[in-house]
Amino acid sequence: MSDLDLKGRTIFISGASRGIGLAIALRAARDGANVALIAKTAEPHPKLEGTVYTAAKAIEEAGGQALPIVGDIRDEAQVEAAVAQTVERFGGIDICVNNASAINLSSIDELDMKRYDLMQDINVRGTFAVSKACAPHLRKGVNPHVLTLSPPISLEKKWLAPHTAYTIAKYGMTLVALGLAEELREDGVASNALWPRTLVATAAVQNLLGGDEAMRRARTPDVYADAAYHVLTQPSREYTGQELLCEDVLVSAGVTDLSAYAHAGADAELAVDLFVDQANPPALG
């Protein structure tokens, strides 16, 4: 494990009012990090727990400092204003986490262009816009990282249908991550993509990917949070330009048993996530 930690570091994260984004923020908060979170959820949603304000409260209770910002990452002006507000409050930005994402697994016949545009605007354009706004501050940051929650790119035919639009949107995020790794390499800013091997127990899985049965076959958000923490505490000049899988990151950090991350207990049969082929790293069989 790295000797670095996140105490006093400032993280700008998109879409962290709940789920995986909030789990990553809470893990950083345990070190005493400053967390600025931009999300659209100012009022409670009937089907989704949490708002940007409840997330901020949880971050501070975990030991961090929080700056909740209601905003839409599709709007360039709102993103720039949120970044400026973060710098004014905390003095800079050391880490950018691109968590905000939209999902729709409809086929080309079923998906209307409005929903296509929504995924492209949030996933690809939003990731680029947030990273672009943070970049000048990351160049001056301490061990600066960009972390984008997106999958390794595979052109196997099975990942291209029946959800071509979603695949384009998620692979686009990864292309941003890999491109930034090269654009910012000489400045010492790391950029990596991170994705889970299995479903992760979130509201999106509950509501869109199979309900209670899918949740029983998922790992907890902690698998993402712990892997992200490991990535973000690596030396930024050395650990960059990678398409990472959460479980493989944890194994490389010395974890030999992933059963504690199973949402429904160690005996649960886990469901493999999109864009990967098996639930466990080869090293664990």
C-alpha atoms as a PDB file:
ATOM      1  CA  MET A   1       0.000   0.000   0.000  1.00  0.00           C
ATOM      2  CA  SER A   2       1.077   3.591  -0.536  1.00  0.00           C
ATOM      3  CA  ASP A   3       2.345   5.713   2.329  1.00  0.00           C
ATOM      4  CA  LEU A   4       0.224   8.589   1.032  1.00  0.00           C
ATOM      5  CA  ASP A   5      -3.196   9.390   2.416  1.00  0.00           C
ATOM      6  CA  LEU A   6      -5.896  11.928   1.643  1.00  0.00           C
ATOM      7  CA  LYS A   7      -5.726  14.087   4.769  1.00  0.00           C
ATOM      8  CA  GLY A   8      -6.177  17.730   3.852  1.00  0.00           C
ATOM      9  CA  ARG A   9      -6.469  16.909   0.138  1.00  0.00           C
ATOM     10  CA  THR A  10      -9.330  18.396  -1.880  1.00  0.00           C
ATOM     11  CA  ILE A  11     -11.526  16.199  -4.055  1.00  0.00           C
ATOM     12  CA  PHE A  12     -13.994  17.453  -6.645  1.00  0.00           C
ATOM     13  CA  ILE A  13     -16.501  14.711  -7.439  1.00  0.00           C
ATOM     14  CA  SER A  14     -19.529  14.641  -9.707  1.00  0.00           C
ATOM     15  CA  GLY A  15     -22.787  12.913  -8.854  1.00  0.00           C
ATOM     16  CA  ALA A  16     -21.877  11.867  -5.320  1.00  0.00           C
ATOM     17  CA  SER A  17     -25.202  12.342  -3.571  1.00  0.00           C
ATOM     18  CA  ARG A  18     -25.596   8.556  -3.192  1.00  0.00           C
ATOM     19  CA  GLY A  19     -24.222   5.165  -4.184  1.00  0.00           C
ATOM     20  CA  ILE A  20     -20.697   4.612  -5.413  1.00  0.00           C
ATOM     21  CA  GLY A  21     -19.780   8.299  -5.574  1.00  0.00           C
ATOM     22  CA  LEU A  22     -20.812   8.840  -1.980  1.00  0.00           C
ATOM     23  CA  ALA A  23     -18.957   5.700  -0.875  1.00  0.00           C
ATOM     24  CA  ILE A  24     -15.748   7.033  -2.460  1.00  0.00           C
ATOM     25  CA  ALA A  25     -16.292  10.413  -0.799  1.00  0.00           C
ATOM     26  CA  LEU A  26     -16.873   8.818   2.600  1.00  0.00           C
ATOM     27  CA  ARG A  27     -13.704   6.727   2.310  1.00  0.00           C
ATOM     28  CA  ALA A  28     -11.710   9.888   1.593  1.00  0.00           C
ATOM     29  CA  ALA A  29     -13.455  11.712   4.436  1.00  0.00           C
ATOM     30  CA  ARG A  30     -12.173   9.145   6.915  1.00  0.00           C
ATOM     31  CA  ASP A  31      -8.686  10.515   6.207  1.00  0.00           C
ATOM     32  CA  GLY A  32      -9.883  14.090   6.727  1.00  0.00           C
ATOM     33  CA  ALA A  33     -10.213  15.057   3.059  1.00  0.00           C
ATOM     34  CA  ASN A  34     -12.084  18.069   1.737  1.00  0.00           C
ATOM     35  CA  VAL A  35     -14.854  16.984  -0.626  1.00  0.00           C
ATOM     36  CA  ALA A  36     -16.718  19.231  -3.049  1.00  0.00           C
ATOM     37  CA  LEU A  37     -19.615  17.397  -4.629  1.00  0.00           C
ATOM     38  CA  ILE A  38     -21.706  18.616  -7.532  1.00  0.00           C
ATOM     39  CA  ALA A  39     -25.038  16.896  -8.145  1.00  0.00           C
ATOM     40  CA  LYS A  40     -28.492  17.779  -9.392  1.00  0.00           C
ATOM     41  CA  THR A  41     -30.324  16.272  -6.434  1.00  0.00           C
ATOM     42  CA  ALA A  42     -31.312  19.122  -4.146  1.00  0.00           C
ATOM     43  CA  GLU A  43     -34.641  17.590  -3.121  1.00  0.00           C
ATOM     44  CA  PRO A  44     -35.355  13.942  -2.204  1.00  0.00           C
ATOM     45  CA  HIS A  45     -36.283  11.685  -5.119  1.00  0.00           C
ATOM     46  CA  PRO A  46     -39.257   9.335  -4.650  1.00  0.00           C
ATOM     47  CA  LYS A  47     -37.219   6.274  -5.684  1.00  0.00           C
ATOM     48  CA  LEU A  48     -33.683   7.317  -4.741  1.00  0.00           C
ATOM     49  CA  GLU A  49     -32.287   8.040  -1.305  1.00  0.00           C
ATOM     50  CA  GLY A  50     -30.071  11.016  -0.612  1.00  0.00           C
ATOM     51  CA  THR A  51     -29.455  14.562  -1.773  1.00  0.00           C
ATOM     52  CA  VAL A  52     -26.325  16.625  -2.177  1.00  0.00           C
ATOM     53  CA  TYR A  53     -26.993  17.995   1.315  1.00  0.00           C
ATOM     54  CA  THR A  54     -27.470  14.646   3.073  1.00  0.00           C
ATOM     55  CA  ALA A  55     -24.290  13.453   1.381  1.00  0.00           C
ATOM     56  CA  ALA A  56     -22.386  16.492   2.669  1.00  0.00           C
ATOM     57  CA  LYS A  57     -23.647  15.822   6.183  1.00  0.00           C
ATOM     58  CA  ALA A  58     -22.456  12.208   5.988  1.00  0.00           C
ATOM     59  CA  ILE A  59     -19.046  13.311   4.702  1.00  0.00           C
ATOM     60  CA  GLU A  60     -18.578  15.680   7.629  1.00  0.00           C
ATOM     61  CA  GLU A  61     -19.743  13.053  10.106  1.00  0.00           C
ATOM     62  CA  ALA A  62     -17.102  10.714   8.633  1.00  0.00           C
ATOM     63  CA  GLY A  63     -14.364  13.246   9.376  1.00  0.00           C
ATOM     64  CA  GLY A  64     -14.085  15.326   6.228  1.00  0.00           C
ATOM     65  CA  GLN A  65     -15.046  18.831   5.174  1.00  0.00           C
ATOM     66  CA  ALA A  66     -17.830  19.060   2.597  1.00  0.00           C
ATOM     67  CA  LEU A  67     -18.971  21.600   0.050  1.00  0.00           C
ATOM     68  CA  PRO A  68     -22.339  20.625  -1.484  1.00  0.00           C
ATOM     69  CA  ILE A  69     -23.043  22.234  -4.860  1.00  0.00           C
ATOM     70  CA  VAL A  70     -26.301  21.853  -6.743  1.00  0.00           C
ATOM     71  CA  GLY A  71     -25.416  21.824 -10.412  1.00  0.00           C
ATOM     72  CA  ASP A  72     -25.631  20.082 -13.768  1.00  0.00           C
ATOM     73  CA  ILE A  73     -22.346  18.948 -15.330  1.00  0.00           C
ATOM     74  CA  ARG A  74     -23.907  19.314 -18.788  1.00  0.00           C
ATOM     75  CA  ASP A  75     -23.753  23.084 -18.261  1.00  0.00           C
ATOM     76  CA  GLU A  76     -20.240  24.439 -18.771  1.00  0.00           C
ATOM     77  CA  ALA A  77     -20.890  27.613 -16.785  1.00  0.00           C
ATOM     78  CA  GLN A  78     -22.225  25.662 -13.814  1.00  0.00           C
ATOM     79  CA  VAL A  79     -19.179  23.377 -13.846  1.00  0.00           C
ATOM     80  CA  GLU A  80     -16.758  26.307 -13.982  1.00  0.00           C
ATOM     81  CA  ALA A  81     -18.608  28.085 -11.191  1.00  0.00           C
ATOM     82  CA  ALA A  82     -18.545  24.945  -9.026  1.00  0.00           C
ATOM     83  CA  VAL A  83     -14.816  24.516  -9.536  1.00  0.00           C
ATOM     84  CA  ALA A  84     -14.211  28.188  -8.712  1.00  0.00           C
ATOM     85  CA  GLN A  85     -16.307  27.843  -5.561  1.00  0.00           C
ATOM     86  CA  THR A  86     -14.272  24.793  -4.541  1.00  0.00           C
ATOM     87  CA  VAL A  87     -10.965  26.591  -5.033  1.00  0.00           C
ATOM     88  CA  GLU A  88     -12.218  29.598  -3.094  1.00  0.00           C
ATOM     89  CA  ARG A  89     -13.321  27.395  -0.191  1.00  0.00           C
ATOM     90  CA  PHE A  90     -10.413  24.937  -0.010  1.00  0.00           C
ATOM     91  CA  GLY A  91      -7.567  26.694  -1.827  1.00  0.00           C
ATOM     92  CA  GLY A  92      -7.187  24.275  -4.734  1.00  0.00           C
ATOM     93  CA  ILE A  93      -8.107  20.863  -6.132  1.00  0.00           C
ATOM     94  CA  ASP A  94      -5.944  17.746  -5.858  1.00  0.00           C
ATOM     95  CA  ILE A  95      -8.305  15.056  -7.156  1.00  0.00           C
ATOM     96  CA  CYS A  96     -11.093  14.973  -9.724  1.00  0.00           C
ATOM     97  CA  VAL A  97     -13.488  12.007  -9.656  1.00  0.00           C
ATOM     98  CA  ASN A  98     -15.804  11.604 -12.640  1.00  0.00           C
ATOM     99  CA  ASN A  99     -18.620   9.570 -11.155  1.00  0.00           C
ATOM    100  CA  ALA A 100     -21.763  11.098 -12.690  1.00  0.00           C
ATOM    101  CA  SER A 101     -23.232   8.826 -15.344  1.00  0.00           C
ATOM    102  CA  ALA A 102     -26.515   7.960 -17.028  1.00  0.00           C
ATOM    103  CA  ILE A 103     -27.533   4.453 -18.058  1.00  0.00           C
ATOM    104  CA  ASN A 104     -30.055   3.206 -20.600  1.00  0.00           C
ATOM    105  CA  LEU A 105     -29.602  -0.275 -22.050  1.00  0.00           C
ATOM    106  CA  SER A 106     -32.191   0.100 -24.806  1.00  0.00           C
ATOM    107  CA  SER A 107     -31.511  -1.104 -28.335  1.00  0.00           C
ATOM    108  CA  ILE A 108     -31.291   1.156 -31.374  1.00  0.00           C
ATOM    109  CA  ASP A 109     -34.971   0.535 -32.155  1.00  0.00           C
ATOM    110  CA  GLU A 110     -36.099   1.380 -28.627  1.00  0.00           C
ATOM    111  CA  LEU A 111     -33.856   4.315 -27.716  1.00  0.00           C
ATOM    112  CA  ASP A 112     -35.007   7.789 -28.686  1.00  0.00           C
ATOM    113  CA  MET A 113     -32.412  10.418 -29.514  1.00  0.00           C
ATOM    114  CA  LYS A 114     -33.246  12.527 -26.469  1.00  0.00           C
ATOM    115  CA  ARG A 115     -32.079   9.711 -24.204  1.00  0.00           C
ATOM    116  CA  TYR A 116     -29.097   9.060 -26.456  1.00  0.00           C
ATOM    117  CA  ASP A 117     -28.076  12.699 -26.106  1.00  0.00           C
ATOM    118  CA  LEU A 118     -28.576  12.568 -22.330  1.00  0.00           C
ATOM    119  CA  MET A 119     -26.072   9.726 -21.978  1.00  0.00           C
ATOM    120  CA  GLN A 120     -23.520  11.370 -24.260  1.00  0.00           C
ATOM    121  CA  ASP A 121     -23.910  14.737 -22.537  1.00  0.00           C
ATOM    122  CA  ILE A 122     -23.579  13.419 -18.979  1.00  0.00           C
ATOM    123  CA  ASN A 123     -21.123  10.588 -19.482  1.00  0.00           C
ATOM    124  CA  VAL A 124     -18.702  11.829 -22.132  1.00  0.00           C
ATOM    125  CA  ARG A 125     -19.178  15.582 -22.340  1.00  0.00           C
ATOM    126  CA  GLY A 126     -19.665  15.901 -18.581  1.00  0.00           C
ATOM    127  CA  THR A 127     -16.507  13.915 -17.837  1.00  0.00           C
ATOM    128  CA  PHE A 128     -14.535  16.072 -20.260  1.00  0.00           C
ATOM    129  CA  ALA A 129     -16.020  19.329 -18.958  1.00  0.00           C
ATOM    130  CA  VAL A 130     -15.369  18.532 -15.290  1.00  0.00           C
ATOM    131  CA  SER A 131     -11.831  17.331 -16.004  1.00  0.00           C
ATOM    132  CA  LYS A 132     -11.108  20.390 -18.166  1.00  0.00           C
ATOM    133  CA  ALA A 133     -12.289  22.793 -15.463  1.00  0.00           C
ATOM    134  CA  CYS A 134     -10.243  21.008 -12.793  1.00  0.00           C
ATOM    135  CA  ALA A 135      -7.064  20.595 -14.870  1.00  0.00           C
ATOM    136  CA  PRO A 136      -5.441  24.000 -14.180  1.00  0.00           C
ATOM    137  CA  HIS A 137      -5.825  23.408 -10.449  1.00  0.00           C
ATOM    138  CA  LEU A 138      -4.728  19.766 -10.597  1.00  0.00           C
ATOM    139  CA  ARG A 139      -1.459  20.874 -12.177  1.00  0.00           C
ATOM    140  CA  LYS A 140      -0.760  22.737  -8.933  1.00  0.00           C
ATOM    141  CA  GLY A 141      -2.193  20.012  -6.687  1.00  0.00           C
ATOM    142  CA  VAL A 142      -0.582  17.540  -4.301  1.00  0.00           C
ATOM    143  CA  ASN A 143      -0.168  14.093  -5.917  1.00  0.00           C
ATOM    144  CA  PRO A 144      -2.939  15.010  -8.378  1.00  0.00           C
ATOM    145  CA  HIS A 145      -5.263  12.392  -9.866  1.00  0.00           C
ATOM    146  CA  VAL A 146      -8.237  12.184 -12.206  1.00  0.00           C
ATOM    147  CA  LEU A 147     -10.312   9.051 -11.651  1.00  0.00           C
ATOM    148  CA  THR A 148     -13.105   8.189 -14.097  1.00  0.00           C
ATOM    149  CA  LEU A 149     -15.609   5.461 -13.269  1.00  0.00           C
ATOM    150  CA  SER A 150     -15.773   3.657 -16.595  1.00  0.00           C
ATOM    151  CA  PRO A 151     -14.899   0.256 -18.052  1.00  0.00           C
ATOM    152  CA  PRO A 152     -11.947  -1.180 -19.920  1.00  0.00           C
ATOM    153  CA  ILE A 153     -12.515  -0.875 -23.652  1.00  0.00           C
ATOM    154  CA  SER A 154     -13.220  -4.169 -25.382  1.00  0.00           C
ATOM    155  CA  LEU A 155     -14.418  -4.489 -28.951  1.00  0.00           C
ATOM    156  CA  GLU A 156     -15.828  -7.970 -28.421  1.00  0.00           C
ATOM    157  CA  LYS A 157     -19.122  -8.104 -30.304  1.00  0.00           C
ATOM    158  CA  LYS A 158     -21.123  -9.073 -27.209  1.00  0.00           C
ATOM    159  CA  TRP A 159     -20.506  -5.648 -25.666  1.00  0.00           C
ATOM    160  CA  LEU A 160     -21.725  -3.768 -28.720  1.00  0.00           C
ATOM    161  CA  ALA A 161     -25.328  -4.985 -28.573  1.00  0.00           C
ATOM    162  CA  PRO A 162     -28.090  -4.605 -27.619  1.00  0.00           C
ATOM    163  CA  HIS A 163     -26.996  -1.343 -25.944  1.00  0.00           C
ATOM    164  CA  THR A 164     -24.790   0.377 -28.513  1.00  0.00           C
ATOM    165  CA  ALA A 165     -25.583   3.864 -27.203  1.00  0.00           C
ATOM    166  CA  TYR A 166     -24.650   3.029 -23.611  1.00  0.00           C
ATOM    167  CA  THR A 167     -21.464   1.275 -24.729  1.00  0.00           C
ATOM    168  CA  ILE A 168     -20.445   4.356 -26.713  1.00  0.00           C
ATOM    169  CA  ALA A 169     -21.121   6.588 -23.706  1.00  0.00           C
ATOM    170  CA  LYS A 170     -19.125   4.492 -21.229  1.00  0.00           C
ATOM    171  CA  TYR A 171     -16.238   3.811 -23.602  1.00  0.00           C
ATOM    172  CA  GLY A 172     -16.192   7.531 -24.330  1.00  0.00           C
ATOM    173  CA  MET A 173     -15.542   8.192 -20.651  1.00  0.00           C
ATOM    174  CA  THR A 174     -12.615   5.781 -20.728  1.00  0.00           C
ATOM    175  CA  LEU A 175     -11.204   7.455 -23.833  1.00  0.00           C
ATOM    176  CA  VAL A 176     -11.311  10.765 -21.953  1.00  0.00           C
ATOM    177  CA  ALA A 177      -9.447   9.147 -19.050  1.00  0.00           C
ATOM    178  CA  LEU A 178      -6.764   7.667 -21.289  1.00  0.00           C
ATOM    179  CA  GLY A 179      -6.409  10.855 -23.321  1.00  0.00           C
ATOM    180  CA  LEU A 180      -5.989  12.974 -20.209  1.00  0.00           C
ATOM    181  CA  ALA A 181      -3.290  10.610 -18.944  1.00  0.00           C
ATOM    182  CA  GLU A 182      -1.193  11.552 -21.963  1.00  0.00           C
ATOM    183  CA  GLU A 183      -2.142  15.240 -22.081  1.00  0.00           C
ATOM    184  CA  LEU A 184      -1.315  15.719 -18.399  1.00  0.00           C
ATOM    185  CA  ARG A 185       1.544  13.237 -18.051  1.00  0.00           C
ATOM    186  CA  GLU A 186       4.325  15.839 -18.164  1.00  0.00           C
ATOM    187  CA  ASP A 187       2.496  17.855 -15.503  1.00  0.00           C
ATOM    188  CA  GLY A 188       2.507  14.875 -13.140  1.00  0.00           C
ATOM    189  CA  VAL A 189      -1.288  14.507 -13.119  1.00  0.00           C
ATOM    190  CA  ALA A 190      -2.464  10.895 -13.161  1.00  0.00           C
ATOM    191  CA  SER A 191      -5.603   9.809 -14.983  1.00  0.00           C
ATOM    192  CA  ASN A 192      -7.105   6.333 -14.749  1.00  0.00           C
ATOM    193  CA  ALA A 193     -10.403   4.542 -15.396  1.00  0.00           C
ATOM    194  CA  LEU A 194     -11.883   2.208 -12.771  1.00  0.00           C
ATOM    195  CA  TRP A 195     -14.697  -0.356 -13.116  1.00  0.00           C
ATOM    196  CA  PRO A 196     -16.043  -3.270 -11.017  1.00  0.00           C
ATOM    197  CA  ARG A 197     -15.995  -6.916 -12.042  1.00  0.00           C
ATOM    198  CA  THR A 198     -19.463  -7.517 -10.585  1.00  0.00           C
ATOM    199  CA  LEU A 199     -22.673  -5.609 -10.137  1.00  0.00           C
ATOM    200  CA  VAL A 200     -22.483  -3.133  -7.254  1.00  0.00           C
ATOM    201  CA  ALA A 201     -25.439  -2.764  -4.891  1.00  0.00           C
ATOM    202  CA  THR A 202     -26.773   0.676  -5.787  1.00  0.00           C
ATOM    203  CA  ALA A 203     -30.142   2.223  -6.565  1.00  0.00           C
ATOM    204  CA  ALA A 204     -29.390   1.917 -10.283  1.00  0.00           C
ATOM    205  CA  VAL A 205     -28.962  -1.842  -9.951  1.00  0.00           C
ATOM    206  CA  GLN A 206     -32.073  -2.105  -7.800  1.00  0.00           C
ATOM    207  CA  ASN A 207     -34.245  -0.047 -10.145  1.00  0.00           C
ATOM    208  CA  LEU A 208     -32.811  -0.806 -13.593  1.00  0.00           C
ATOM    209  CA  LEU A 209     -30.846  -4.039 -13.579  1.00  0.00           C
ATOM    210  CA  GLY A 210     -32.904  -6.654 -11.789  1.00  0.00           C
ATOM    211  CA  GLY A 211     -34.268  -5.524  -8.433  1.00  0.00           C
ATOM    212  CA  ASP A 212     -33.716  -7.623  -5.319  1.00  0.00           C
ATOM    213  CA  GLU A 213     -32.261 -10.556  -7.254  1.00  0.00           C
ATOM    214  CA  ALA A 214     -29.580  -8.353  -8.798  1.00  0.00           C
ATOM    215  CA  MET A 215     -28.799  -6.845  -5.388  1.00  0.00           C
ATOM    216  CA  ARG A 216     -28.306 -10.327  -3.928  1.00  0.00           C
ATOM    217  CA  ARG A 217     -25.739 -11.018  -6.636  1.00  0.00           C
ATOM    218  CA  ALA A 218     -23.847  -7.745  -6.191  1.00  0.00           C
ATOM    219  CA  ARG A 219     -20.876  -6.539  -4.203  1.00  0.00           C
ATOM    220  CA  THR A 220     -21.179  -3.541  -1.891  1.00  0.00           C
ATOM    221  CA  PRO A 221     -20.098  -0.025  -2.932  1.00  0.00           C
ATOM    222  CA  ASP A 222     -17.139  -0.447  -0.569  1.00  0.00           C
ATOM    223  CA  VAL A 223     -15.405  -2.567  -3.219  1.00  0.00           C
ATOM    224  CA  TYR A 224     -15.339   0.523  -5.437  1.00  0.00           C
ATOM    225  CA  ALA A 225     -14.511   2.928  -2.619  1.00  0.00           C
ATOM    226  CA  ASP A 226     -11.569   0.889  -1.316  1.00  0.00           C
ATOM    227  CA  ALA A 227     -10.190   0.372  -4.817  1.00  0.00           C
ATOM    228  CA  ALA A 228     -10.557   4.076  -5.620  1.00  0.00           C
ATOM    229  CA  TYR A 229      -8.774   4.978  -2.393  1.00  0.00           C
ATOM    230  CA  HIS A 230      -5.851   2.759  -3.341  1.00  0.00           C
ATOM    231  CA  VAL A 231      -5.610   4.329  -6.794  1.00  0.00           C
ATOM    232  CA  LEU A 232      -5.806   7.875  -5.453  1.00  0.00           C
ATOM    233  CA  THR A 233      -3.014   7.274  -2.942  1.00  0.00           C
ATOM    234  CA  GLN A 234      -0.528   6.032  -5.537  1.00  0.00           C
ATOM    235  CA  PRO A 235       2.254   8.296  -6.849  1.00  0.00           C
ATOM    236  CA  SER A 236       0.630  10.256  -9.650  1.00  0.00           C
ATOM    237  CA  ARG A 237       3.693  10.318 -11.903  1.00  0.00           C
ATOM    238  CA  GLU A 238       3.922   6.531 -11.870  1.00  0.00           C
ATOM    239  CA  TYR A 239       0.325   5.257 -11.682  1.00  0.00           C
ATOM    240  CA  THR A 240      -1.479   6.576 -14.736  1.00  0.00           C
ATOM    241  CA  GLY A 241      -3.047   5.700 -18.070  1.00  0.00           C
ATOM    242  CA  GLN A 242      -4.669   2.469 -16.893  1.00  0.00           C
ATOM    243  CA  GLU A 243      -8.044   0.786 -17.396  1.00  0.00           C
ATOM    244  CA  LEU A 244      -8.431  -0.760 -13.951  1.00  0.00           C
ATOM    245  CA  LEU A 245     -10.828  -3.251 -12.378  1.00  0.00           C
ATOM    246  CA  CYS A 246     -11.686  -2.733  -8.709  1.00  0.00           C
ATOM    247  CA  GLU A 247     -11.062  -6.272  -7.564  1.00  0.00           C
ATOM    248  CA  ASP A 248      -7.713  -6.469  -9.353  1.00  0.00           C
ATOM    249  CA  VAL A 249      -6.639  -3.225  -7.708  1.00  0.00           C
ATOM    250  CA  LEU A 250      -7.523  -4.651  -4.290  1.00  0.00           C
ATOM    251  CA  VAL A 251      -5.620  -7.881  -4.979  1.00  0.00           C
ATOM    252  CA  SER A 252      -2.583  -5.841  -6.025  1.00  0.00           C
ATOM    253  CA  ALA A 253      -2.921  -3.989  -2.708  1.00  0.00           C
ATOM    254  CA  GLY A 254      -2.707  -7.274  -0.794  1.00  0.00           C
ATOM    255  CA  VAL A 255      -6.344  -8.316  -0.392  1.00  0.00           C
ATOM    256  CA  THR A 256      -6.622 -12.107  -0.653  1.00  0.00           C
ATOM    257  CA  ASP A 257     -10.319 -12.604   0.141  1.00  0.00           C
ATOM    258  CA  LEU A 258     -13.073 -10.526  -1.464  1.00  0.00           C
ATOM    259  CA  SER A 259     -15.961 -12.268   0.309  1.00  0.00           C
ATOM    260  CA  ALA A 260     -16.438  -9.394   2.758  1.00  0.00           C
ATOM    261  CA  TYR A 261     -17.637  -7.248  -0.155  1.00  0.00           C
ATOM    262  CA  ALA A 262     -20.524  -9.552  -1.094  1.00  0.00           C
ATOM    263  CA  HIS A 263     -23.767  -7.662  -0.488  1.00  0.00           C
ATOM    264  CA  ALA A 264     -25.752 -10.788   0.433  1.00  0.00           C
ATOM    265  CA  GLY A 265     -23.002 -12.729   2.161  1.00  0.00           C
ATOM    266  CA  ALA A 266     -19.996 -14.808   1.214  1.00  0.00           C
ATOM    267  CA  ASP A 267     -22.065 -17.644  -0.302  1.00  0.00           C
ATOM    268  CA  ALA A 268     -23.891 -15.435  -2.800  1.00  0.00           C
ATOM    269  CA  GLU A 269     -23.452 -16.184  -6.496  1.00  0.00           C
ATOM    270  CA  LEU A 270     -22.130 -12.950  -7.962  1.00  0.00           C
ATOM    271  CA  ALA A 271     -23.316 -11.448 -11.251  1.00  0.00           C
ATOM    272  CA  VAL A 272     -20.578 -10.270 -13.603  1.00  0.00           C
ATOM    273  CA  ASP A 273     -20.903  -6.624 -14.650  1.00  0.00           C
ATOM    274  CA  LEU A 274     -21.018  -5.366 -18.220  1.00  0.00           C
ATOM    275  CA  PHE A 275     -17.741  -5.251 -20.160  1.00  0.00           C
ATOM    276  CA  VAL A 276     -15.932  -7.893 -18.050  1.00  0.00           C
ATOM    277  CA  ASP A 277     -15.908 -11.692 -18.187  1.00  0.00           C
ATOM    278  CA  GLN A 278     -15.505 -13.023 -14.663  1.00  0.00           C
ATOM    279  CA  ALA A 279     -16.338 -12.008 -11.092  1.00  0.00           C
ATOM    280  CA  ASN A 280     -12.904 -12.538  -9.581  1.00  0.00           C
ATOM    281  CA  PRO A 281      -9.396 -11.669 -10.725  1.00  0.00           C
ATOM    282  CA  PRO A 282      -7.506 -14.629 -12.234  1.00  0.00           C
ATOM    283  CA  ALA A 283      -5.163 -14.532  -9.235  1.00  0.00           C
ATOM    284  CA  LEU A 284      -8.084 -15.535  -6.981  1.00  0.00           C
ATOM    285  CA  GLY A 285      -9.489 -18.125  -9.349  1.00  0.00           C
END
